[in-house]
Amino acid sequence: MTKRPADFAGENEPAEGSPASKRARTEDTEPEREGTTPLRERRWEDDERNGADILAAADQEAEEIEEAVGHTSDWDDEEPVSQASVRQTEPLQGYSDLYLDTIHRSNLDFDFEKLCSVSLSNINVYACLVCGKYFQGRGPKSHAYFHSLEIGHHVFVNMETKKVYVLPEGYEVKNKSLDDIKYVIDPSYVKEEVARLDTVVTEAWDLAGKKYRPGYVGMNNIKSNDYLNVIVQLLAHVRPIRNFFLLHRFPVPGTPQLPLRFGMLVRKLWNPKAFKCHVSPHELLQEIALRSSKRFTLTHQSDPVEFLSWFLNNLHLSLGGSKKPSPTPTSVVHSAFQGHLRIESQAITARSDAANARLVFSESSTTTSQRTPFLILTLDLPPTPLFQAADEESIIPQVPLVNLLNKYNGVTAIEKLAHRVRHRLLHPLPQYLLFHIKRFSKNKFVAERNPTIVTFPSPRGLDMSPYVEPNPSVWPPGEPILYDLVANVILDATVTAPGDPESRAPENSRGGLAEAAASGAGGAASATATTPGRIRG
């Protein structure tokens, strides 16, 4: 290569301030830039027609855009820079069902809380339909995008909108073969389907071919949450509660999470198209632990009646119910369970009888009466016999349920805090009655369990008229008020050690609805809570 000779002084010297040299360099390099883009575009089109990897084409296109963005400062300001979009709005022609064959429905479980498995964020969460994991976002810098590149899983569903996308391309998939997945994420029902739940026995099969009956599926006992499982099963079979949460669609913005997650769990319990014949209450448990300030968790046993009382009150408030007493129900919870009773109280005074050298107790002549609302009626068991026979292990005391209900006949008095108290139910009775048979009592040392068996005359036709104050304007006097047994929560005594407050499990998940129904039909059950459904006339 020869060296260009130096110019003479003054020859071809540009004028001062002249941009001639800059214009010459720009004109030399401009044809080279213009000639590269059409060649690359034609090469990408040829690769796509020949079946080349679309993912590699997308990566190359992204790199080209990054280079173009990096060199914009060298271009003239008058020339606009057009950048091609990396994302696709729709699949390429002939590739509408691409990657759908990689979906594994057996790996999908939408019962757990929607949290990104990487960032633990609950915002804009997507589920991978190949492995079932949750990831946040679907943009080029999101965890779902990186998962699609690193692992090769390409199909994701948005857990809020239930739209399915293919990553990293980013286009939405509209295929009817994905409707079953969308239904499992959030089952929906119509009035005709709900009306047939109590009249038509429906049998369904899961992906493994196991037959199950919607509404009577098992619930996972994650660790020590069986106390919650039995209460959810109980409420899921109370017709007004069940129908409300199956049909009502809550507006997501502004609605508390407690009714949203409980409604989702009830809909999954009655799902006839489930992938698995069991559900997990994990999502509801997380919200309950948060709202109760860790009072009810999945790692510690709790009393079901305490949880039921807390849950009904918080669910009532979350649905817009009033805190103050109201003559009419302000939520579906109070409409189903709230009733009223009259409490009469007489003070008891003690005086000394000098003649007989003893204390004499006398009732006050004044009686105070108050009307009190209730959700749960407590039934007291008689104390266990102090002296037992030689074969004490084979003798277990029994008491009929009607004897326990005499507490509310208005005649039987209970001494409480220097007062003699009488209870009487008032009309109208609620649609469903919740009974709590109090079994555990605490002394100075241990918690004692009363093993008395409560016998039911029949699971159908419990007459409550003897315990209700007559009111001819509401109910004809002498007419029976009949209730049927709907659910019975019992204690599985084989799991607990009586008298051990730490290991005491008031209910076990195996002693839930199915086992309780068998005990009730047999005429005897050690019940901690019963829910009779009302039958008028």
Protein backbone atom coordinates (compact mmCIF):
# COMPACT_ATOMS: atom_id res chain seq x y z
CA MET A 1 0.00 0.00 0.00
CA THR A 2 1.45 3.34 -1.08
CA LYS A 3 1.43 6.35 1.13
CA ARG A 4 -0.68 9.25 -0.06
CA PRO A 5 1.55 12.27 -0.79
CA ALA A 6 1.12 15.32 1.36
CA ASP A 7 -0.81 18.21 -0.06
CA PHE A 8 0.85 21.49 -0.70
CA ALA A 9 0.12 24.26 1.67
CA GLY A 10 -3.08 26.00 0.76
CA GLU A 11 -4.26 23.38 -1.78
CA ASN A 12 -7.73 21.87 -1.22
CA GLU A 13 -7.85 23.56 2.16
CA PRO A 14 -11.46 23.88 3.25
CA ALA A 15 -12.80 27.15 4.30
CA GLU A 16 -12.96 27.96 7.97
CA GLY A 17 -16.02 26.44 9.56
CA SER A 18 -16.84 24.44 6.45
CA PRO A 19 -18.48 20.99 7.15
CA ALA A 20 -17.18 19.54 3.89
CA SER A 21 -15.00 16.93 5.54
CA LYS A 22 -17.82 15.75 7.85
CA ARG A 23 -20.24 15.52 4.93
CA ALA A 24 -17.77 13.42 2.98
CA ARG A 25 -17.41 10.88 5.79
CA THR A 26 -21.19 10.65 6.24
CA GLU A 27 -21.77 10.04 2.54
CA ASP A 28 -19.13 7.31 2.54
CA THR A 29 -20.70 5.36 5.41
CA GLU A 30 -24.39 5.89 4.59
CA PRO A 31 -24.70 3.35 1.72
CA GLU A 32 -23.10 0.67 3.90
CA ARG A 33 -25.75 1.11 6.64
CA GLU A 34 -28.60 1.16 4.15
CA GLY A 35 -27.45 -2.07 2.55
CA THR A 36 -27.37 -4.15 5.73
CA THR A 37 -30.94 -3.90 6.98
CA PRO A 38 -32.77 -5.36 3.91
CA LEU A 39 -30.32 -8.28 3.80
CA ARG A 40 -30.88 -9.08 7.47
CA GLU A 41 -34.65 -8.79 7.13
CA ARG A 42 -34.62 -11.15 4.14
CA ARG A 43 -32.40 -13.57 6.08
CA TRP A 44 -34.83 -13.61 9.04
CA GLU A 45 -37.79 -14.21 6.72
CA ASP A 46 -35.93 -17.07 5.01
CA ASP A 47 -35.10 -18.60 8.39
CA GLU A 48 -38.74 -18.48 9.50
CA ARG A 49 -39.97 -19.99 6.21
CA ASN A 50 -37.38 -22.75 6.45
CA GLY A 51 -38.44 -23.60 10.01
CA ALA A 52 -35.55 -21.94 11.81
CA ASP A 53 -35.77 -21.34 15.56
CA ILE A 54 -38.09 -18.41 16.23
CA LEU A 55 -36.47 -17.92 19.62
CA ALA A 56 -33.07 -17.33 18.04
CA ALA A 57 -34.61 -14.86 15.59
CA ALA A 58 -36.17 -12.97 18.47
CA ASP A 59 -32.85 -12.81 20.30
CA GLN A 60 -31.07 -11.57 17.20
CA GLU A 61 -33.73 -8.96 16.61
CA ALA A 62 -33.42 -7.79 20.21
CA GLU A 63 -29.67 -7.44 19.85
CA GLU A 64 -30.10 -5.43 16.65
CA ILE A 65 -32.47 -3.06 18.39
CA GLU A 66 -30.03 -2.59 21.25
CA GLU A 67 -27.27 -1.76 18.76
CA ALA A 68 -29.55 0.68 16.96
CA VAL A 69 -30.41 2.40 20.22
CA GLY A 70 -26.73 2.61 21.11
CA HIS A 71 -25.79 4.35 17.81
CA THR A 72 -28.58 6.89 17.68
CA SER A 73 -26.25 9.61 18.92
CA ASP A 74 -24.16 9.29 15.74
CA TRP A 75 -27.12 9.93 13.47
CA ASP A 76 -28.46 13.26 12.40
CA ASP A 77 -31.26 14.60 14.57
CA GLU A 78 -33.44 15.21 11.52
CA GLU A 79 -33.58 11.47 10.66
CA PRO A 80 -36.17 9.56 12.79
CA VAL A 81 -35.16 6.14 14.10
CA SER A 82 -37.75 3.39 13.63
CA GLN A 83 -37.40 0.44 16.00
CA ALA A 84 -39.08 -2.87 15.31
CA SER A 85 -41.10 -4.35 18.19
CA VAL A 86 -39.73 -7.50 19.77
CA ARG A 87 -43.14 -8.69 20.98
CA GLN A 88 -45.67 -10.37 18.72
CA THR A 89 -49.33 -9.47 18.92
CA GLU A 90 -50.43 -12.74 17.34
CA PRO A 91 -48.81 -16.04 16.38
CA LEU A 92 -47.34 -16.55 12.95
CA GLN A 93 -49.53 -18.14 10.35
CA GLY A 94 -49.61 -21.88 10.92
CA TYR A 95 -48.17 -21.63 14.46
CA SER A 96 -51.35 -20.82 16.44
CA ASP A 97 -51.05 -23.99 18.56
CA LEU A 98 -47.30 -23.81 19.04
CA TYR A 99 -46.07 -25.16 22.42
CA LEU A 100 -49.59 -26.16 23.54
CA ASP A 101 -48.54 -29.80 23.47
CA THR A 102 -46.02 -29.07 26.25
CA ILE A 103 -48.75 -28.29 28.82
CA HIS A 104 -48.86 -30.80 31.70
CA ARG A 105 -52.22 -30.57 33.47
CA SER A 106 -51.14 -33.06 36.11
CA ASN A 107 -48.52 -30.56 37.34
CA LEU A 108 -51.01 -27.73 37.79
CA ASP A 109 -52.22 -26.85 41.28
CA PHE A 110 -53.86 -23.44 41.61
CA ASP A 111 -54.83 -23.81 45.30
CA PHE A 112 -51.70 -22.20 46.70
CA GLU A 113 -51.24 -18.50 47.25
CA LYS A 114 -50.38 -16.58 44.08
CA LEU A 115 -46.82 -15.53 44.88
CA CYS A 116 -43.89 -15.36 42.49
CA SER A 117 -41.53 -18.24 43.25
CA VAL A 118 -38.54 -15.90 42.76
CA SER A 119 -39.51 -12.48 44.10
CA LEU A 120 -42.44 -13.54 46.37
CA SER A 121 -44.51 -10.73 44.87
CA ASN A 122 -48.26 -11.08 44.46
CA ILE A 123 -48.58 -8.48 41.69
CA ASN A 124 -49.11 -9.53 38.07
CA VAL A 125 -48.49 -13.22 38.72
CA TYR A 126 -48.37 -15.78 35.91
CA ALA A 127 -48.44 -19.57 36.23
CA CYS A 128 -46.29 -21.77 34.03
CA LEU A 129 -48.57 -24.37 32.45
CA VAL A 130 -45.68 -26.80 32.04
CA CYS A 131 -44.27 -27.04 35.58
CA GLY A 132 -46.96 -25.19 37.56
CA LYS A 133 -44.68 -22.60 39.18
CA TYR A 134 -45.68 -18.95 39.69
CA PHE A 135 -43.67 -16.09 38.19
CA GLN A 136 -44.11 -12.34 38.07
CA GLY A 137 -44.76 -10.45 34.84
CA ARG A 138 -44.19 -11.41 31.22
CA GLY A 139 -42.05 -8.51 29.98
CA PRO A 140 -38.50 -8.89 28.59
CA LYS A 141 -36.99 -8.44 32.07
CA SER A 142 -39.55 -10.44 34.05
CA HIS A 143 -39.00 -13.72 35.88
CA ALA A 144 -41.47 -15.52 33.62
CA TYR A 145 -39.53 -14.33 30.56
CA PHE A 146 -36.24 -15.64 31.96
CA HIS A 147 -37.92 -18.92 32.92
CA SER A 148 -39.05 -19.40 29.33
CA LEU A 149 -35.51 -18.82 28.05
CA GLU A 150 -33.61 -20.85 30.64
CA ILE A 151 -35.93 -23.83 31.10
CA GLY A 152 -37.76 -23.81 27.78
CA HIS A 153 -41.30 -23.54 29.21
CA HIS A 154 -43.25 -21.24 26.96
CA VAL A 155 -46.95 -21.24 27.96
CA PHE A 156 -48.10 -19.02 30.85
CA VAL A 157 -51.50 -17.95 32.17
CA ASN A 158 -52.31 -14.73 33.99
CA MET A 159 -53.91 -15.63 37.33
CA GLU A 160 -56.15 -12.55 37.34
CA THR A 161 -57.35 -12.22 33.75
CA LYS A 162 -56.93 -15.96 32.91
CA LYS A 163 -55.37 -15.01 29.55
CA VAL A 164 -52.77 -17.40 28.15
CA TYR A 165 -49.53 -16.13 26.60
CA VAL A 166 -46.55 -17.68 24.85
CA LEU A 167 -43.15 -16.41 25.94
CA PRO A 168 -40.72 -15.06 24.93
CA GLU A 169 -42.73 -14.10 21.84
CA GLY A 170 -45.38 -12.48 24.05
CA TYR A 171 -48.53 -13.10 22.01
CA GLU A 172 -51.86 -14.24 23.48
CA VAL A 173 -53.17 -17.71 22.73
CA LYS A 174 -56.89 -17.97 22.02
CA ASN A 175 -57.62 -21.67 21.90
CA LYS A 176 -60.71 -23.43 23.26
CA SER A 177 -58.61 -26.37 24.40
CA LEU A 178 -57.43 -24.16 27.28
CA ASP A 179 -60.93 -23.50 28.64
CA ASP A 180 -60.69 -26.37 31.13
CA ILE A 181 -57.59 -24.79 32.69
CA LYS A 182 -59.29 -21.41 32.95
CA TYR A 183 -62.30 -23.07 34.61
CA VAL A 184 -60.13 -24.82 37.20
CA ILE A 185 -58.42 -21.52 38.07
CA ASP A 186 -61.76 -19.88 38.92
CA PRO A 187 -64.87 -22.09 38.57
CA SER A 188 -68.12 -20.33 37.73
CA TYR A 189 -71.73 -21.42 38.08
CA VAL A 190 -75.16 -20.42 36.87
CA LYS A 191 -78.42 -20.52 38.81
CA GLU A 192 -79.62 -23.67 37.06
CA GLU A 193 -76.48 -25.57 38.10
CA VAL A 194 -76.73 -24.41 41.71
CA ALA A 195 -80.40 -25.37 41.89
CA ARG A 196 -79.55 -28.95 40.91
CA LEU A 197 -76.88 -29.42 43.60
CA ASP A 198 -79.43 -30.54 46.22
CA THR A 199 -81.62 -32.60 43.90
CA VAL A 200 -79.28 -34.35 41.44
CA VAL A 201 -76.36 -36.51 42.56
CA THR A 202 -73.39 -35.63 40.35
CA GLU A 203 -70.38 -37.88 39.91
CA ALA A 204 -67.15 -36.64 38.36
CA TRP A 205 -63.69 -37.98 37.54
CA ASP A 206 -60.33 -36.28 37.91
CA LEU A 207 -57.32 -36.53 35.58
CA ALA A 208 -56.17 -39.75 37.28
CA GLY A 209 -59.52 -41.40 36.64
CA LYS A 210 -60.62 -41.29 40.29
CA LYS A 211 -64.31 -40.78 40.89
CA TYR A 212 -65.42 -38.09 43.32
CA ARG A 213 -68.59 -36.25 44.26
CA PRO A 214 -68.49 -32.44 44.02
CA GLY A 215 -68.93 -30.86 47.43
CA TYR A 216 -67.60 -33.92 49.27
CA VAL A 217 -63.95 -33.78 48.30
CA GLY A 218 -61.07 -33.99 50.74
CA MET A 219 -59.09 -31.02 52.00
CA ASN A 220 -55.34 -31.13 52.55
CA ASN A 221 -54.19 -31.13 56.16
CA ILE A 222 -50.98 -29.19 55.54
CA LYS A 223 -49.82 -29.54 59.14
CA SER A 224 -52.31 -28.66 61.88
CA ASN A 225 -55.12 -26.95 60.01
CA ASP A 226 -57.73 -29.70 60.40
CA TYR A 227 -59.72 -27.40 62.72
CA LEU A 228 -60.20 -25.06 59.75
CA ASN A 229 -60.97 -27.82 57.26
CA VAL A 230 -64.01 -29.08 59.14
CA ILE A 231 -65.44 -25.57 59.54
CA VAL A 232 -65.02 -24.84 55.83
CA GLN A 233 -66.70 -28.15 54.98
CA LEU A 234 -69.52 -27.28 57.35
CA LEU A 235 -70.13 -23.81 55.89
CA ALA A 236 -69.84 -25.12 52.32
CA HIS A 237 -72.98 -27.21 52.95
CA VAL A 238 -75.08 -24.42 54.43
CA ARG A 239 -77.32 -23.65 51.49
CA PRO A 240 -77.56 -19.81 51.73
CA ILE A 241 -73.80 -19.47 52.31
CA ARG A 242 -72.96 -21.92 49.53
CA ASN A 243 -75.33 -20.40 46.96
CA PHE A 244 -74.17 -16.87 47.73
CA PHE A 245 -70.48 -17.62 47.19
CA LEU A 246 -71.12 -19.82 44.15
CA LEU A 247 -73.13 -17.17 42.29
CA HIS A 248 -71.95 -13.81 43.60
CA ARG A 249 -69.10 -12.18 41.70
CA PHE A 250 -67.19 -9.74 43.85
CA PRO A 251 -65.63 -6.64 42.34
CA VAL A 252 -61.92 -7.34 42.77
CA PRO A 253 -60.82 -3.73 43.47
CA GLY A 254 -61.99 -2.76 46.94
CA THR A 255 -63.25 -6.17 48.11
CA PRO A 256 -61.45 -7.64 51.15
CA GLN A 257 -59.46 -10.78 50.52
CA LEU A 258 -61.27 -12.88 53.14
CA PRO A 259 -64.58 -13.28 51.24
CA LEU A 260 -62.70 -13.51 47.93
CA ARG A 261 -60.54 -16.42 49.04
CA PHE A 262 -63.31 -18.18 50.94
CA GLY A 263 -65.59 -17.91 47.91
CA MET A 264 -62.84 -19.30 45.69
CA LEU A 265 -62.41 -22.28 48.04
CA VAL A 266 -66.15 -22.99 48.13
CA ARG A 267 -66.33 -22.91 44.32
CA LYS A 268 -63.42 -25.34 44.10
CA LEU A 269 -65.07 -27.70 46.59
CA TRP A 270 -68.11 -27.93 44.30
CA ASN A 271 -66.11 -28.01 41.05
CA PRO A 272 -67.31 -30.87 38.79
CA LYS A 273 -64.32 -30.45 36.42
CA ALA A 274 -61.43 -30.55 38.89
CA PHE A 275 -58.04 -31.93 37.89
CA LYS A 276 -57.62 -33.50 41.36
CA CYS A 277 -60.18 -34.90 43.78
CA HIS A 278 -58.92 -32.78 46.68
CA VAL A 279 -58.34 -29.09 47.38
CA SER A 280 -55.94 -27.15 49.56
CA PRO A 281 -57.00 -24.27 51.87
CA HIS A 282 -53.50 -22.73 51.78
CA GLU A 283 -54.57 -19.45 50.20
CA LEU A 284 -57.40 -18.94 52.72
CA LEU A 285 -55.13 -19.94 55.60
CA GLN A 286 -52.58 -17.27 54.70
CA GLU A 287 -55.24 -14.56 54.74
CA ILE A 288 -56.73 -15.82 58.03
CA ALA A 289 -53.31 -15.88 59.70
CA LEU A 290 -52.73 -12.30 58.56
CA ARG A 291 -56.12 -10.96 59.66
CA SER A 292 -56.12 -12.79 63.00
CA SER A 293 -52.58 -11.64 63.87
CA LYS A 294 -51.30 -15.24 63.86
CA ARG A 295 -54.07 -16.41 66.19
CA PHE A 296 -55.14 -19.08 63.70
CA THR A 297 -52.31 -20.61 61.69
CA LEU A 298 -51.63 -23.85 59.86
CA THR A 299 -48.86 -24.85 62.30
CA HIS A 300 -50.79 -24.70 65.57
CA GLN A 301 -54.00 -26.44 66.62
CA SER A 302 -56.95 -24.26 67.60
CA ASP A 303 -60.44 -24.81 68.91
CA PRO A 304 -62.89 -25.07 65.99
CA VAL A 305 -65.65 -23.20 67.82
CA GLU A 306 -63.31 -20.29 68.54
CA PHE A 307 -62.30 -20.20 64.90
CA LEU A 308 -65.94 -20.48 63.77
CA SER A 309 -66.96 -17.54 65.95
CA TRP A 310 -64.05 -15.40 64.73
CA PHE A 311 -64.57 -16.36 61.09
CA LEU A 312 -68.32 -15.67 61.03
CA ASN A 313 -67.90 -12.23 62.60
CA ASN A 314 -65.05 -11.21 60.31
CA LEU A 315 -66.81 -12.58 57.24
CA HIS A 316 -69.92 -10.63 58.22
CA LEU A 317 -67.94 -7.39 58.49
CA SER A 318 -66.04 -8.06 55.25
CA LEU A 319 -69.34 -8.44 53.39
CA GLY A 320 -70.48 -5.01 54.55
CA GLY A 321 -72.40 -6.10 57.63
CA SER A 322 -73.15 -3.69 60.45
CA LYS A 323 -71.33 -3.80 63.77
CA LYS A 324 -74.37 -2.46 65.63
CA PRO A 325 -77.42 -4.66 66.31
CA SER A 326 -79.95 -4.42 63.52
CA PRO A 327 -83.58 -5.62 63.40
CA THR A 328 -82.93 -7.09 59.96
CA PRO A 329 -79.87 -9.10 58.82
CA THR A 330 -77.21 -7.00 57.12
CA SER A 331 -75.27 -9.89 55.55
CA VAL A 332 -75.80 -13.43 54.37
CA VAL A 333 -74.02 -14.67 57.52
CA HIS A 334 -76.54 -13.11 59.89
CA SER A 335 -79.38 -14.08 57.57
CA ALA A 336 -78.42 -17.75 57.94
CA PHE A 337 -77.26 -18.01 61.56
CA GLN A 338 -78.30 -15.07 63.71
CA GLY A 339 -81.18 -15.45 66.14
CA HIS A 340 -82.28 -13.83 69.38
CA LEU A 341 -82.87 -15.08 72.90
CA ARG A 342 -84.19 -13.62 76.12
CA ILE A 343 -82.00 -13.78 79.22
CA GLU A 344 -83.65 -13.34 82.63
CA SER A 345 -81.38 -12.79 85.59
CA GLN A 346 -82.07 -12.76 89.35
CA ALA A 347 -79.49 -11.77 91.93
CA ILE A 348 -78.71 -14.28 94.68
CA THR A 349 -77.94 -12.91 98.14
CA ALA A 350 -76.42 -14.84 101.03
CA ARG A 351 -77.28 -14.19 104.67
CA SER A 352 -76.33 -15.88 107.90
CA ASP A 353 -78.89 -17.95 109.80
CA ALA A 354 -77.79 -17.67 113.42
CA ALA A 355 -80.31 -20.20 114.66
CA ASN A 356 -79.14 -23.01 112.40
CA ALA A 357 -75.55 -21.74 112.06
CA ARG A 358 -75.53 -21.85 108.27
CA LEU A 359 -75.71 -19.63 105.21
CA VAL A 360 -79.06 -19.11 103.52
CA PHE A 361 -79.27 -18.09 99.85
CA SER A 362 -82.31 -16.21 98.62
CA GLU A 363 -83.33 -14.89 95.22
CA SER A 364 -83.98 -11.26 94.59
CA SER A 365 -87.57 -10.24 93.94
CA THR A 366 -86.54 -8.18 90.90
CA THR A 367 -85.80 -9.85 87.58
CA THR A 368 -83.85 -8.20 84.78
CA SER A 369 -84.54 -9.23 81.21
CA GLN A 370 -82.58 -8.49 78.06
CA ARG A 371 -82.81 -9.48 74.41
CA THR A 372 -79.49 -10.72 73.02
CA PRO A 373 -78.50 -11.83 69.50
CA PHE A 374 -76.61 -15.09 69.05
CA LEU A 375 -74.81 -17.02 66.33
CA ILE A 376 -73.87 -20.13 68.33
CA LEU A 377 -75.83 -21.81 71.14
CA THR A 378 -73.69 -23.42 73.84
CA LEU A 379 -74.90 -26.67 75.39
CA ASP A 380 -73.49 -27.74 78.77
CA LEU A 381 -72.77 -31.39 79.48
CA PRO A 382 -73.53 -32.84 82.92
CA PRO A 383 -70.43 -33.47 85.02
CA THR A 384 -68.92 -36.91 84.85
CA PRO A 385 -69.74 -39.25 87.78
CA LEU A 386 -67.35 -38.93 90.69
CA PHE A 387 -67.50 -42.64 91.54
CA GLN A 388 -67.36 -45.15 88.71
CA ALA A 389 -67.82 -48.89 88.54
CA ALA A 390 -64.98 -51.40 88.52
CA ASP A 391 -65.08 -51.72 84.74
CA GLU A 392 -64.94 -47.96 84.30
CA GLU A 393 -63.27 -48.23 80.90
CA SER A 394 -66.38 -49.83 79.38
CA ILE A 395 -68.87 -47.40 80.92
CA ILE A 396 -69.28 -44.05 79.15
CA PRO A 397 -72.12 -41.78 80.28
CA GLN A 398 -74.74 -40.81 77.70
CA VAL A 399 -77.23 -37.96 77.54
CA PRO A 400 -79.94 -37.16 74.94
CA LEU A 401 -79.64 -33.94 72.98
CA VAL A 402 -83.11 -32.81 74.11
CA ASN A 403 -81.91 -32.84 77.73
CA LEU A 404 -79.15 -30.39 76.86
CA LEU A 405 -81.62 -28.17 75.04
CA ASN A 406 -83.66 -27.73 78.25
CA LYS A 407 -81.23 -24.95 79.06
CA TYR A 408 -83.30 -22.77 76.70
CA ASN A 409 -86.82 -23.67 77.89
CA GLY A 410 -87.05 -20.58 80.12
CA VAL A 411 -87.50 -22.66 83.30
CA THR A 412 -84.15 -24.32 83.91
CA ALA A 413 -81.92 -21.96 85.86
CA ILE A 414 -78.13 -21.76 85.76
CA GLU A 415 -76.15 -20.12 88.54
CA LYS A 416 -73.54 -17.74 87.18
CA LEU A 417 -71.62 -15.01 89.02
CA ALA A 418 -74.04 -14.66 91.97
CA HIS A 419 -77.01 -14.63 89.61
CA ARG A 420 -79.59 -17.19 88.62
CA VAL A 421 -79.97 -17.05 84.83
CA ARG A 422 -82.70 -18.45 82.57
CA HIS A 423 -82.63 -18.55 78.75
CA ARG A 424 -85.48 -18.60 76.24
CA LEU A 425 -85.28 -18.56 72.45
CA LEU A 426 -87.33 -15.98 70.56
CA HIS A 427 -89.13 -15.99 67.24
CA PRO A 428 -88.16 -16.00 64.45
CA LEU A 429 -85.49 -18.67 64.68
CA PRO A 430 -82.64 -18.52 62.14
CA GLN A 431 -82.58 -20.80 59.13
CA TYR A 432 -79.69 -22.76 60.63
CA LEU A 433 -78.78 -23.39 64.26
CA LEU A 434 -75.21 -23.84 65.43
CA PHE A 435 -74.81 -25.90 68.62
CA HIS A 436 -71.57 -26.05 70.55
CA ILE A 437 -71.40 -28.91 73.04
CA LYS A 438 -68.83 -27.73 75.55
CA ARG A 439 -66.50 -30.64 76.33
CA PHE A 440 -63.28 -29.09 77.59
CA SER A 441 -62.86 -27.31 80.88
CA LYS A 442 -59.69 -25.98 82.47
CA ASN A 443 -58.65 -26.34 86.09
CA LYS A 444 -55.46 -25.26 87.78
CA PHE A 445 -53.41 -28.04 86.25
CA VAL A 446 -54.71 -29.54 83.01
CA ALA A 447 -57.53 -29.29 80.50
CA GLU A 448 -60.19 -31.89 81.18
CA ARG A 449 -62.32 -33.48 78.50
CA ASN A 450 -65.84 -34.66 79.25
CA PRO A 451 -66.33 -37.98 77.38
CA THR A 452 -70.14 -38.00 77.70
CA ILE A 453 -71.83 -39.23 74.52
CA VAL A 454 -74.65 -37.09 73.15
CA THR A 455 -77.36 -39.16 71.49
CA PHE A 456 -79.62 -37.89 68.73
CA PRO A 457 -83.15 -39.31 68.60
CA SER A 458 -82.92 -38.95 64.83
CA PRO A 459 -80.81 -36.90 62.42
CA ARG A 460 -84.10 -35.58 61.03
CA GLY A 461 -86.99 -33.82 62.65
CA LEU A 462 -85.53 -32.12 65.74
CA ASP A 463 -88.46 -30.15 67.22
CA MET A 464 -87.38 -26.78 68.63
CA SER A 465 -90.86 -25.47 69.52
CA PRO A 466 -90.60 -26.34 73.28
CA TYR A 467 -87.64 -23.99 73.61
CA VAL A 468 -89.10 -20.96 71.81
CA GLU A 469 -91.24 -18.30 73.43
CA PRO A 470 -94.68 -18.40 71.74
CA ASN A 471 -95.48 -15.62 69.31
CA PRO A 472 -98.74 -16.19 67.36
CA SER A 473 -97.93 -13.41 64.91
CA VAL A 474 -94.84 -15.30 63.72
CA TRP A 475 -95.58 -19.00 64.25
CA PRO A 476 -98.83 -20.82 65.13
CA PRO A 477 -98.76 -22.09 68.74
CA GLY A 478 -98.45 -25.84 69.02
CA GLU A 479 -96.98 -26.28 65.54
CA PRO A 480 -93.60 -28.07 65.51
CA ILE A 481 -90.47 -26.29 64.33
CA LEU A 482 -88.39 -29.02 62.73
CA TYR A 483 -84.69 -29.02 61.95
CA ASP A 484 -82.57 -31.61 60.12
CA LEU A 485 -78.95 -32.42 60.89
CA VAL A 486 -76.72 -31.07 58.12
CA ALA A 487 -73.21 -31.35 59.55
CA ASN A 488 -71.58 -32.61 62.72
CA VAL A 489 -68.00 -31.80 63.73
CA ILE A 490 -66.57 -34.44 66.04
CA LEU A 491 -63.36 -35.19 67.88
CA ASP A 492 -61.12 -38.00 66.73
CA ALA A 493 -60.01 -39.17 70.16
CA THR A 494 -57.40 -41.54 68.73
CA VAL A 495 -55.20 -38.59 67.76
CA THR A 496 -55.19 -36.68 71.04
CA ALA A 497 -54.05 -37.30 74.59
CA PRO A 498 -56.86 -36.22 76.97
CA GLY A 499 -55.70 -33.55 79.38
CA ASP A 500 -52.77 -32.40 77.25
CA PRO A 501 -53.47 -28.79 76.23
CA GLU A 502 -50.58 -28.66 73.76
CA SER A 503 -51.37 -31.80 71.81
CA ARG A 504 -55.14 -31.50 72.12
CA ALA A 505 -56.72 -31.44 68.68
CA PRO A 506 -60.42 -30.56 68.96
CA GLU A 507 -61.00 -31.97 65.48
CA ASN A 508 -59.06 -34.04 63.05
CA SER A 509 -59.56 -33.74 59.32
CA ARG A 510 -60.60 -37.37 59.21
CA GLY A 511 -63.34 -36.57 61.70
CA GLY A 512 -64.94 -34.08 59.38
CA LEU A 513 -68.19 -34.13 57.52
CA ALA A 514 -68.30 -37.72 56.26
CA GLU A 515 -67.38 -39.35 59.57
CA ALA A 516 -69.72 -37.05 61.46
CA ALA A 517 -72.64 -37.93 59.19
CA ALA A 518 -72.10 -41.62 59.88
CA SER A 519 -72.03 -41.00 63.62
CA GLY A 520 -75.18 -38.91 63.48
CA ALA A 521 -77.07 -41.54 61.52
CA GLY A 522 -76.07 -44.17 64.04
CA GLY A 523 -77.72 -42.19 66.81
CA ALA A 524 -74.66 -41.27 68.84
CA ALA A 525 -71.79 -38.86 68.40
CA SER A 526 -69.45 -36.93 70.64
CA ALA A 527 -70.29 -33.67 68.97
CA THR A 528 -68.62 -30.32 69.41
CA ALA A 529 -70.77 -28.48 66.90
CA THR A 530 -73.90 -29.36 64.99
CA THR A 531 -75.71 -27.49 62.28
CA PRO A 532 -79.35 -28.45 61.85
CA GLY A 533 -81.07 -27.02 58.81
CA ARG A 534 -84.53 -25.64 59.29
CA ILE A 535 -87.66 -27.14 57.70
CA ARG A 536 -90.77 -25.00 57.96
CA GLY A 537 -94.04 -26.85 58.04
